[in-house]
Every structure is written in structure tokens, then in C-alpha cells.
Protein backbone atom coordinates (compact mmCIF):
# COMPACT_ATOMS: atom_id res chain seq x y z
CA MET A 1 0.04 -0.01 0.22
CA ASN A 2 1.28 3.41 -1.06
CA LYS A 3 0.34 6.98 -0.26
CA ASN A 4 -2.13 7.11 -3.45
CA ASP A 5 -3.91 3.93 -1.92
CA VAL A 6 -4.48 5.35 1.36
CA ALA A 7 -5.88 8.80 -0.37
CA LYS A 8 -8.00 6.42 -2.58
CA THR A 9 -9.39 4.54 0.70
CA LEU A 10 -9.88 8.10 2.28
CA SER A 11 -11.87 9.35 -0.78
CA ASN A 12 -14.75 7.05 0.16
CA ILE A 13 -15.10 8.61 3.30
CA LEU A 14 -14.51 12.33 2.28
CA SER A 15 -16.35 14.12 -0.51
CA SER A 16 -13.42 13.98 -3.30
CA LYS A 17 -10.43 12.43 -4.22
CA LYS A 18 -8.69 15.95 -4.31
CA GLU A 19 -9.91 16.61 -0.72
CA ALA A 20 -8.51 13.02 0.31
CA ASP A 21 -5.00 13.88 -1.51
CA ASN A 22 -4.62 17.04 0.65
CA ALA A 23 -5.62 15.17 3.95
CA VAL A 24 -3.01 12.52 3.34
CA ASN A 25 -0.27 15.01 2.30
CA ARG A 26 -1.00 17.25 5.48
CA VAL A 27 -0.62 14.51 7.70
CA PHE A 28 2.85 13.27 6.43
CA GLU A 29 3.75 16.90 6.50
CA GLU A 30 3.03 17.28 10.03
CA LEU A 31 4.71 14.23 10.70
CA LYS A 32 7.62 15.40 9.22
CA THR A 33 7.76 18.63 11.04
CA ALA A 34 7.21 17.15 14.46
CA LEU A 35 10.10 14.67 13.58
CA LYS A 36 12.38 17.23 12.43
CA ASN A 37 11.68 19.28 15.63
CA GLY A 38 12.66 16.35 17.67
CA GLU A 39 9.20 15.56 18.82
CA LYS A 40 8.12 11.90 19.39
CA VAL A 41 4.96 10.77 17.24
CA VAL A 42 2.72 8.19 18.82
CA ILE A 43 -0.34 7.04 16.99
CA THR A 44 -2.17 4.88 19.59
CA GLY A 45 -2.92 1.05 18.37
CA PHE A 46 -0.34 1.55 15.56
CA GLY A 47 3.02 2.42 16.98
CA SER A 48 5.40 5.38 17.41
CA PHE A 49 8.20 7.42 15.23
CA ASN A 50 11.09 9.05 16.77
CA MET A 51 14.33 10.74 15.42
CA LEU A 52 17.41 8.68 16.18
CA VAL A 53 20.90 10.11 15.93
CA THR A 54 23.69 7.56 15.07
CA LYS A 55 27.06 7.91 16.66
CA THR A 56 30.30 8.66 14.59
CA LYS A 57 31.50 5.24 13.50
CA LYS A 58 34.56 3.75 11.71
CA GLY A 59 34.02 2.23 8.10
CA ARG A 60 36.10 1.18 5.23
CA ASN A 61 36.09 1.95 1.43
CA PRO A 62 35.70 -1.40 -0.03
CA LYS A 63 37.47 -0.55 -3.21
CA THR A 64 40.46 0.85 -1.52
CA GLY A 65 40.50 -0.61 1.89
CA GLU A 66 41.18 2.74 3.41
CA THR A 67 39.62 3.37 6.92
CA LEU A 68 37.29 6.53 7.19
CA LEU A 69 35.01 7.91 9.83
CA ILE A 70 31.22 8.04 9.08
CA SER A 71 29.62 11.06 10.45
CA PRO A 72 26.51 10.94 12.40
CA MET A 73 23.21 10.69 10.61
CA LYS A 74 19.73 11.27 11.70
CA LYS A 75 17.31 8.36 11.24
CA VAL A 76 13.51 7.97 11.80
CA ARG A 77 12.95 4.87 13.99
CA PHE A 78 9.43 3.12 14.32
CA LYS A 79 8.36 1.06 17.25
CA GLN A 80 5.08 -0.82 16.68
CA SER A 81 2.59 -0.87 19.53
CA LYS A 82 1.65 -3.92 21.53
CA GLU A 83 -1.78 -3.92 20.01
CA PHE A 84 -0.12 -3.79 16.55
CA PHE A 85 2.01 -6.71 17.41
CA ASP A 86 -0.67 -8.74 18.79
CA LYS A 87 -2.94 -8.61 15.76
């Protein structure tokens, strides 16, 4: 299932496909904004999203074998809720 499928399903409830597309886009924009601001996003019965910052670590260039440092990165972590896991 992708974003378009979610909008299509939501259009059965809302008055038009365009309104459903706008609603889905707005929800995802709000999720992105909250995560960028460092907030934890919790959807009851589904799970939670939070921003995780990795540590600096050593890596290796497979082509040359040269050791290098991999800088910290921001990643989104999803943890499913217990209800989601049980179903």
C-alpha cells in the first residue's frame, strides 16, 4: 500500500479524491515537521516514530580498503505498539 492507495481509501469517506489527497499530504507533512523538531509521534494502536541520531563510527572503503569515519546521521525509528504486534 502506498500514499495514493491511502488517499483512494480515504476518498470513500471524504467528498472528493482531491480533498483526500490534501488530507493525506497534510498528515505526512505534520509527521515530518514534528520529527524534524525532535518530537516523538505516537499513533495509538499503531506505533510510535522518533528521530534517532547515530554515533560517529569507523567504516572502510571496499574499493581501496581505506579506513574512514562515518559522520552521525539522523534516522527515523518506528516501534510498533503492543496492539499492532498482537494482531
